[in-house]
Amino acid sequence: MSSTRLPPVSPKDLSPAQKSLYDKIQRIIGDRFSTVVSHTAEGALLGPWNPLIHHSTIGKALIPLTQTLLARPGHLSRPVREVAILAVAAHYRAAYEIYAHTLLATPLLGIDTVAATLNGRVLPKLDSDASCALKVTRSLLAGGPLPDPLWDRAVKEFGVEGAQELVFLVGYYCLVSVGLNGFGVQVPSTRSAKL
């Protein structure tokens, strides 16, 4: 099911500005999100991508940030990134984000860690770096300044640039989750979608 607030736009109905953005989004999706339903059967974008098509001016502005935060190699490992993203998605109860990142995180973290992260728990066997990322993320989501001991631990685990990247990653996925919720984006039906 996708949002009726912003119905998916068929590729044949895209304006020139939307088509340019669509092509950039296609390159971002690539193989990175191959297990996630991100298009309708007709090729219209789903998930966080569809709102960007509807408001191509904002979409065009967000694409460079998206590309930067998804770039490899970053300072954070994929498991660390996924723990933080799942914590944000769970905090906002962003259905599509939970769906997509459960699929992406499970092979990296295991189903028990994914379930614990989504349910607000911490598994004792969580690696030190993932545990740090989870604590930093949850602290940021609670509001107020990040306590110095958590910042210091993040710097120790990831370096200064890695700690900065974690904070920006959390902020970015807050934006994504709020957008998904605001536009009523739900988990796609596999009957009307393609991988």
C-alpha atoms as a PDB file:
ATOM      1  CA  MET A   1       0.000   0.000   0.000  1.00  0.00           C
ATOM      2  CA  SER A   2       1.333   3.441  -0.827  1.00  0.00           C
ATOM      3  CA  SER A   3       0.087   6.846   0.175  1.00  0.00           C
ATOM      4  CA  THR A   4      -2.937   8.323  -1.534  1.00  0.00           C
ATOM      5  CA  ARG A   5      -1.651  11.751  -0.463  1.00  0.00           C
ATOM      6  CA  LEU A   6       1.064  11.532  -3.100  1.00  0.00           C
ATOM      7  CA  PRO A   7       0.154   8.868  -5.637  1.00  0.00           C
ATOM      8  CA  PRO A   8       3.115   7.279  -7.451  1.00  0.00           C
ATOM      9  CA  VAL A   9       3.935   9.048 -10.731  1.00  0.00           C
ATOM     10  CA  SER A  10       4.372   6.792 -13.746  1.00  0.00           C
ATOM     11  CA  PRO A  11       7.653   7.409 -15.607  1.00  0.00           C
ATOM     12  CA  LYS A  12       5.647   8.305 -18.733  1.00  0.00           C
ATOM     13  CA  ASP A  13       3.952  11.160 -16.827  1.00  0.00           C
ATOM     14  CA  LEU A  14       7.091  12.787 -15.442  1.00  0.00           C
ATOM     15  CA  SER A  15       7.896  16.397 -16.282  1.00  0.00           C
ATOM     16  CA  PRO A  16      11.436  17.071 -17.569  1.00  0.00           C
ATOM     17  CA  ALA A  17      12.543  18.181 -14.074  1.00  0.00           C
ATOM     18  CA  GLN A  18      10.970  15.079 -12.534  1.00  0.00           C
ATOM     19  CA  LYS A  19      12.569  12.830 -15.165  1.00  0.00           C
ATOM     20  CA  SER A  20      16.029  14.220 -14.394  1.00  0.00           C
ATOM     21  CA  LEU A  21      15.446  13.617 -10.687  1.00  0.00           C
ATOM     22  CA  TYR A  22      14.007  10.146 -11.375  1.00  0.00           C
ATOM     23  CA  ASP A  23      17.197   9.193 -13.221  1.00  0.00           C
ATOM     24  CA  LYS A  24      19.372  10.395 -10.324  1.00  0.00           C
ATOM     25  CA  ILE A  25      17.257   8.448  -7.839  1.00  0.00           C
ATOM     26  CA  GLN A  26      17.518   5.341 -10.009  1.00  0.00           C
ATOM     27  CA  ARG A  27      21.317   5.585  -9.753  1.00  0.00           C
ATOM     28  CA  ILE A  28      21.101   5.912  -5.966  1.00  0.00           C
ATOM     29  CA  ILE A  29      18.775   2.919  -5.647  1.00  0.00           C
ATOM     30  CA  GLY A  30      20.948   0.772  -7.947  1.00  0.00           C
ATOM     31  CA  ASP A  31      21.885  -2.519  -6.368  1.00  0.00           C
ATOM     32  CA  ARG A  32      22.088  -0.990  -2.891  1.00  0.00           C
ATOM     33  CA  PHE A  33      18.357  -1.409  -2.282  1.00  0.00           C
ATOM     34  CA  SER A  34      17.746  -4.439  -4.524  1.00  0.00           C
ATOM     35  CA  THR A  35      15.885  -6.364  -1.797  1.00  0.00           C
ATOM     36  CA  VAL A  36      13.497  -3.470  -1.090  1.00  0.00           C
ATOM     37  CA  VAL A  37      10.373  -2.777  -3.148  1.00  0.00           C
ATOM     38  CA  SER A  38      11.055   0.746  -4.392  1.00  0.00           C
ATOM     39  CA  HIS A  39       8.958   0.891  -7.600  1.00  0.00           C
ATOM     40  CA  THR A  40       5.470   0.046  -8.767  1.00  0.00           C
ATOM     41  CA  ALA A  41       5.110  -2.513 -11.553  1.00  0.00           C
ATOM     42  CA  GLU A  42       4.967   0.463 -13.970  1.00  0.00           C
ATOM     43  CA  GLY A  43       8.266   1.848 -12.643  1.00  0.00           C
ATOM     44  CA  ALA A  44       6.876   4.684 -10.467  1.00  0.00           C
ATOM     45  CA  LEU A  45       8.973   5.336  -7.366  1.00  0.00           C
ATOM     46  CA  LEU A  46       7.776   4.318  -3.899  1.00  0.00           C
ATOM     47  CA  GLY A  47       8.941   4.948  -0.356  1.00  0.00           C
ATOM     48  CA  PRO A  48      10.876   8.139   0.381  1.00  0.00           C
ATOM     49  CA  TRP A  49      11.603   8.602  -3.328  1.00  0.00           C
ATOM     50  CA  ASN A  50       8.032   9.341  -4.403  1.00  0.00           C
ATOM     51  CA  PRO A  51       7.692  12.556  -2.330  1.00  0.00           C
ATOM     52  CA  LEU A  52      10.934  13.810  -3.877  1.00  0.00           C
ATOM     53  CA  ILE A  53       9.415  13.343  -7.344  1.00  0.00           C
ATOM     54  CA  HIS A  54       6.297  15.264  -6.306  1.00  0.00           C
ATOM     55  CA  HIS A  55       8.339  18.206  -5.051  1.00  0.00           C
ATOM     56  CA  SER A  56      11.267  18.089  -7.438  1.00  0.00           C
ATOM     57  CA  THR A  57      12.793  21.358  -6.166  1.00  0.00           C
ATOM     58  CA  ILE A  58      13.247  19.893  -2.687  1.00  0.00           C
ATOM     59  CA  GLY A  59      14.078  16.512  -4.169  1.00  0.00           C
ATOM     60  CA  LYS A  60      16.830  18.033  -6.289  1.00  0.00           C
ATOM     61  CA  ALA A  61      18.274  19.744  -3.192  1.00  0.00           C
ATOM     62  CA  LEU A  62      18.202  16.549  -1.096  1.00  0.00           C
ATOM     63  CA  ILE A  63      19.824  14.243  -3.636  1.00  0.00           C
ATOM     64  CA  PRO A  64      23.418  15.467  -3.059  1.00  0.00           C
ATOM     65  CA  LEU A  65      22.991  14.991   0.713  1.00  0.00           C
ATOM     66  CA  THR A  66      21.527  11.532   0.142  1.00  0.00           C
ATOM     67  CA  GLN A  67      24.422  10.585  -2.139  1.00  0.00           C
ATOM     68  CA  THR A  68      26.974  11.876   0.381  1.00  0.00           C
ATOM     69  CA  LEU A  69      25.460  10.003   3.318  1.00  0.00           C
ATOM     70  CA  LEU A  70      25.137   6.777   1.336  1.00  0.00           C
ATOM     71  CA  ALA A  71      28.624   7.017  -0.155  1.00  0.00           C
ATOM     72  CA  ARG A  72      31.099   4.256   0.495  1.00  0.00           C
ATOM     73  CA  PRO A  73      33.453   4.148   2.178  1.00  0.00           C
ATOM     74  CA  GLY A  74      32.215   6.315   5.004  1.00  0.00           C
ATOM     75  CA  HIS A  75      33.482   6.343   8.555  1.00  0.00           C
ATOM     76  CA  LEU A  76      30.721   4.060   9.802  1.00  0.00           C
ATOM     77  CA  SER A  77      30.307   0.373   8.998  1.00  0.00           C
ATOM     78  CA  ARG A  78      27.066  -0.837   7.449  1.00  0.00           C
ATOM     79  CA  PRO A  79      25.963  -2.623  10.660  1.00  0.00           C
ATOM     80  CA  VAL A  80      26.539   0.568  12.677  1.00  0.00           C
ATOM     81  CA  ARG A  81      24.598   2.625  10.137  1.00  0.00           C
ATOM     82  CA  GLU A  82      21.706   0.157  10.099  1.00  0.00           C
ATOM     83  CA  VAL A  83      21.426   0.099  13.897  1.00  0.00           C
ATOM     84  CA  ALA A  84      21.141   3.895  13.922  1.00  0.00           C
ATOM     85  CA  ILE A  85      18.646   3.959  11.046  1.00  0.00           C
ATOM     86  CA  LEU A  86      16.473   1.274  12.639  1.00  0.00           C
ATOM     87  CA  ALA A  87      16.430   3.180  15.927  1.00  0.00           C
ATOM     88  CA  VAL A  88      15.259   6.331  14.127  1.00  0.00           C
ATOM     89  CA  ALA A  89      12.637   4.423  12.138  1.00  0.00           C
ATOM     90  CA  ALA A  90      11.308   2.775  15.309  1.00  0.00           C
ATOM     91  CA  HIS A  91      11.215   6.101  17.161  1.00  0.00           C
ATOM     92  CA  TYR A  92       9.059   7.665  14.444  1.00  0.00           C
ATOM     93  CA  ARG A  93       7.138   4.445  13.695  1.00  0.00           C
ATOM     94  CA  ALA A  94       7.883   5.099  10.027  1.00  0.00           C
ATOM     95  CA  ALA A  95       6.392   1.989   8.407  1.00  0.00           C
ATOM     96  CA  TYR A  96       8.295   2.071   5.111  1.00  0.00           C
ATOM     97  CA  GLU A  97      11.626   2.817   6.832  1.00  0.00           C
ATOM     98  CA  ILE A  98      11.090  -0.067   9.256  1.00  0.00           C
ATOM     99  CA  TYR A  99      10.187  -2.370   6.360  1.00  0.00           C
ATOM    100  CA  ALA A 100      13.129  -1.356   4.158  1.00  0.00           C
ATOM    101  CA  HIS A 101      15.824  -1.308   6.806  1.00  0.00           C
ATOM    102  CA  THR A 102      14.669  -4.537   8.432  1.00  0.00           C
ATOM    103  CA  LEU A 103      15.351  -6.173   5.058  1.00  0.00           C
ATOM    104  CA  LEU A 104      18.700  -4.417   4.694  1.00  0.00           C
ATOM    105  CA  ALA A 105      19.853  -4.913   8.300  1.00  0.00           C
ATOM    106  CA  THR A 106      18.844  -8.523   8.976  1.00  0.00           C
ATOM    107  CA  PRO A 107      21.664 -10.125   6.931  1.00  0.00           C
ATOM    108  CA  LEU A 108      24.179  -7.846   8.679  1.00  0.00           C
ATOM    109  CA  LEU A 109      22.885  -7.901  12.245  1.00  0.00           C
ATOM    110  CA  GLY A 110      20.612 -10.921  12.568  1.00  0.00           C
ATOM    111  CA  ILE A 111      16.906 -10.921  13.262  1.00  0.00           C
ATOM    112  CA  ASP A 112      17.316 -10.817  17.077  1.00  0.00           C
ATOM    113  CA  THR A 113      19.347  -7.597  16.962  1.00  0.00           C
ATOM    114  CA  VAL A 114      16.965  -6.018  14.459  1.00  0.00           C
ATOM    115  CA  ALA A 115      13.938  -6.935  16.589  1.00  0.00           C
ATOM    116  CA  ALA A 116      15.605  -5.684  19.786  1.00  0.00           C
ATOM    117  CA  THR A 117      16.553  -2.379  18.134  1.00  0.00           C
ATOM    118  CA  LEU A 118      13.016  -1.870  16.828  1.00  0.00           C
ATOM    119  CA  ASN A 119      11.570  -2.697  20.249  1.00  0.00           C
ATOM    120  CA  GLY A 120      13.798  -0.321  22.184  1.00  0.00           C
ATOM    121  CA  ARG A 121      16.011  -2.986  23.731  1.00  0.00           C
ATOM    122  CA  VAL A 122      19.771  -3.514  23.612  1.00  0.00           C
ATOM    123  CA  LEU A 123      21.206  -6.990  23.215  1.00  0.00           C
ATOM    124  CA  PRO A 124      24.215  -7.703  25.429  1.00  0.00           C
ATOM    125  CA  LYS A 125      26.037  -9.315  22.469  1.00  0.00           C
ATOM    126  CA  LEU A 126      25.854  -6.121  20.361  1.00  0.00           C
ATOM    127  CA  ASP A 127      29.312  -5.086  19.166  1.00  0.00           C
ATOM    128  CA  SER A 128      30.813  -2.096  20.958  1.00  0.00           C
ATOM    129  CA  ASP A 129      30.578   0.195  17.921  1.00  0.00           C
ATOM    130  CA  ALA A 130      26.943  -0.728  17.200  1.00  0.00           C
ATOM    131  CA  SER A 131      26.077  -0.347  20.883  1.00  0.00           C
ATOM    132  CA  CYS A 132      27.658   3.106  20.884  1.00  0.00           C
ATOM    133  CA  ALA A 133      25.754   4.126  17.748  1.00  0.00           C
ATOM    134  CA  LEU A 134      22.500   2.927  19.284  1.00  0.00           C
ATOM    135  CA  LYS A 135      23.071   4.876  22.503  1.00  0.00           C
ATOM    136  CA  VAL A 136      24.031   8.044  20.641  1.00  0.00           C
ATOM    137  CA  THR A 137      21.021   7.738  18.351  1.00  0.00           C
ATOM    138  CA  ARG A 138      18.566   7.162  21.177  1.00  0.00           C
ATOM    139  CA  SER A 139      20.022  10.083  23.124  1.00  0.00           C
ATOM    140  CA  LEU A 140      19.627  12.396  20.131  1.00  0.00           C
ATOM    141  CA  LEU A 141      16.054  11.189  19.619  1.00  0.00           C
ATOM    142  CA  ALA A 142      15.235  11.917  23.268  1.00  0.00           C
ATOM    143  CA  GLY A 143      16.020  15.597  22.676  1.00  0.00           C
ATOM    144  CA  GLY A 144      18.483  18.012  24.175  1.00  0.00           C
ATOM    145  CA  PRO A 145      22.243  18.136  23.749  1.00  0.00           C
ATOM    146  CA  LEU A 146      24.166  14.900  23.342  1.00  0.00           C
ATOM    147  CA  PRO A 147      25.941  14.301  26.684  1.00  0.00           C
ATOM    148  CA  ASP A 148      29.724  14.706  26.605  1.00  0.00           C
ATOM    149  CA  PRO A 149      30.424  11.097  27.674  1.00  0.00           C
ATOM    150  CA  LEU A 150      28.409   9.784  24.694  1.00  0.00           C
ATOM    151  CA  TRP A 151      30.121  12.184  22.297  1.00  0.00           C
ATOM    152  CA  ASP A 152      33.511  11.160  23.688  1.00  0.00           C
ATOM    153  CA  ARG A 153      32.648   7.486  23.294  1.00  0.00           C
ATOM    154  CA  ALA A 154      31.518   8.064  19.697  1.00  0.00           C
ATOM    155  CA  VAL A 155      34.808   9.852  18.944  1.00  0.00           C
ATOM    156  CA  LYS A 156      36.722   6.940  20.494  1.00  0.00           C
ATOM    157  CA  GLU A 157      34.745   4.380  18.448  1.00  0.00           C
ATOM    158  CA  PHE A 158      34.515   6.217  15.109  1.00  0.00           C
ATOM    159  CA  GLY A 159      36.939   9.148  15.181  1.00  0.00           C
ATOM    160  CA  VAL A 160      35.785  12.779  15.077  1.00  0.00           C
ATOM    161  CA  GLU A 161      34.576  12.590  11.470  1.00  0.00           C
ATOM    162  CA  GLY A 162      32.798   9.311  12.151  1.00  0.00           C
ATOM    163  CA  ALA A 163      31.027  10.793  15.180  1.00  0.00           C
ATOM    164  CA  GLN A 164      29.989  13.769  13.058  1.00  0.00           C
ATOM    165  CA  GLU A 165      28.767  11.416  10.326  1.00  0.00           C
ATOM    166  CA  LEU A 166      26.656   9.526  12.876  1.00  0.00           C
ATOM    167  CA  VAL A 167      24.964  12.730  14.057  1.00  0.00           C
ATOM    168  CA  PHE A 168      24.236  13.807  10.470  1.00  0.00           C
ATOM    169  CA  LEU A 169      22.998  10.301   9.593  1.00  0.00           C
ATOM    170  CA  VAL A 170      20.536  10.388  12.507  1.00  0.00           C
ATOM    171  CA  GLY A 171      19.333  13.851  11.484  1.00  0.00           C
ATOM    172  CA  TYR A 172      18.912  12.784   7.866  1.00  0.00           C
ATOM    173  CA  TYR A 173      16.856   9.716   8.748  1.00  0.00           C
ATOM    174  CA  CYS A 174      14.726  11.836  11.088  1.00  0.00           C
ATOM    175  CA  LEU A 175      13.929  13.962   8.024  1.00  0.00           C
ATOM    176  CA  VAL A 176      13.187  10.851   5.957  1.00  0.00           C
ATOM    177  CA  SER A 177      10.971   9.332   8.662  1.00  0.00           C
ATOM    178  CA  VAL A 178       9.011  12.534   9.249  1.00  0.00           C
ATOM    179  CA  GLY A 179       8.491  12.847   5.494  1.00  0.00           C
ATOM    180  CA  LEU A 180       7.289   9.253   5.222  1.00  0.00           C
ATOM    181  CA  ASN A 181       4.841   9.788   8.079  1.00  0.00           C
ATOM    182  CA  GLY A 182       3.685  13.197   6.862  1.00  0.00           C
ATOM    183  CA  PHE A 183       2.921  11.863   3.411  1.00  0.00           C
ATOM    184  CA  GLY A 184       1.369   8.658   4.776  1.00  0.00           C
ATOM    185  CA  VAL A 185       3.836   6.358   3.005  1.00  0.00           C
ATOM    186  CA  GLN A 186       3.161   2.740   3.906  1.00  0.00           C
ATOM    187  CA  VAL A 187       4.781  -0.605   3.188  1.00  0.00           C
ATOM    188  CA  PRO A 188       4.295  -1.414  -0.506  1.00  0.00           C
ATOM    189  CA  SER A 189       2.079  -4.209  -1.675  1.00  0.00           C
ATOM    190  CA  THR A 190       4.221  -6.736  -3.505  1.00  0.00           C
ATOM    191  CA  ARG A 191       1.280  -7.442  -5.818  1.00  0.00           C
ATOM    192  CA  SER A 192       1.458  -3.989  -7.397  1.00  0.00           C
ATOM    193  CA  ALA A 193       5.179  -3.408  -7.060  1.00  0.00           C
ATOM    194  CA  LYS A 194       8.452  -4.671  -8.416  1.00  0.00           C
ATOM    195  CA  LEU A 195      11.865  -5.054  -6.842  1.00  0.00           C
END
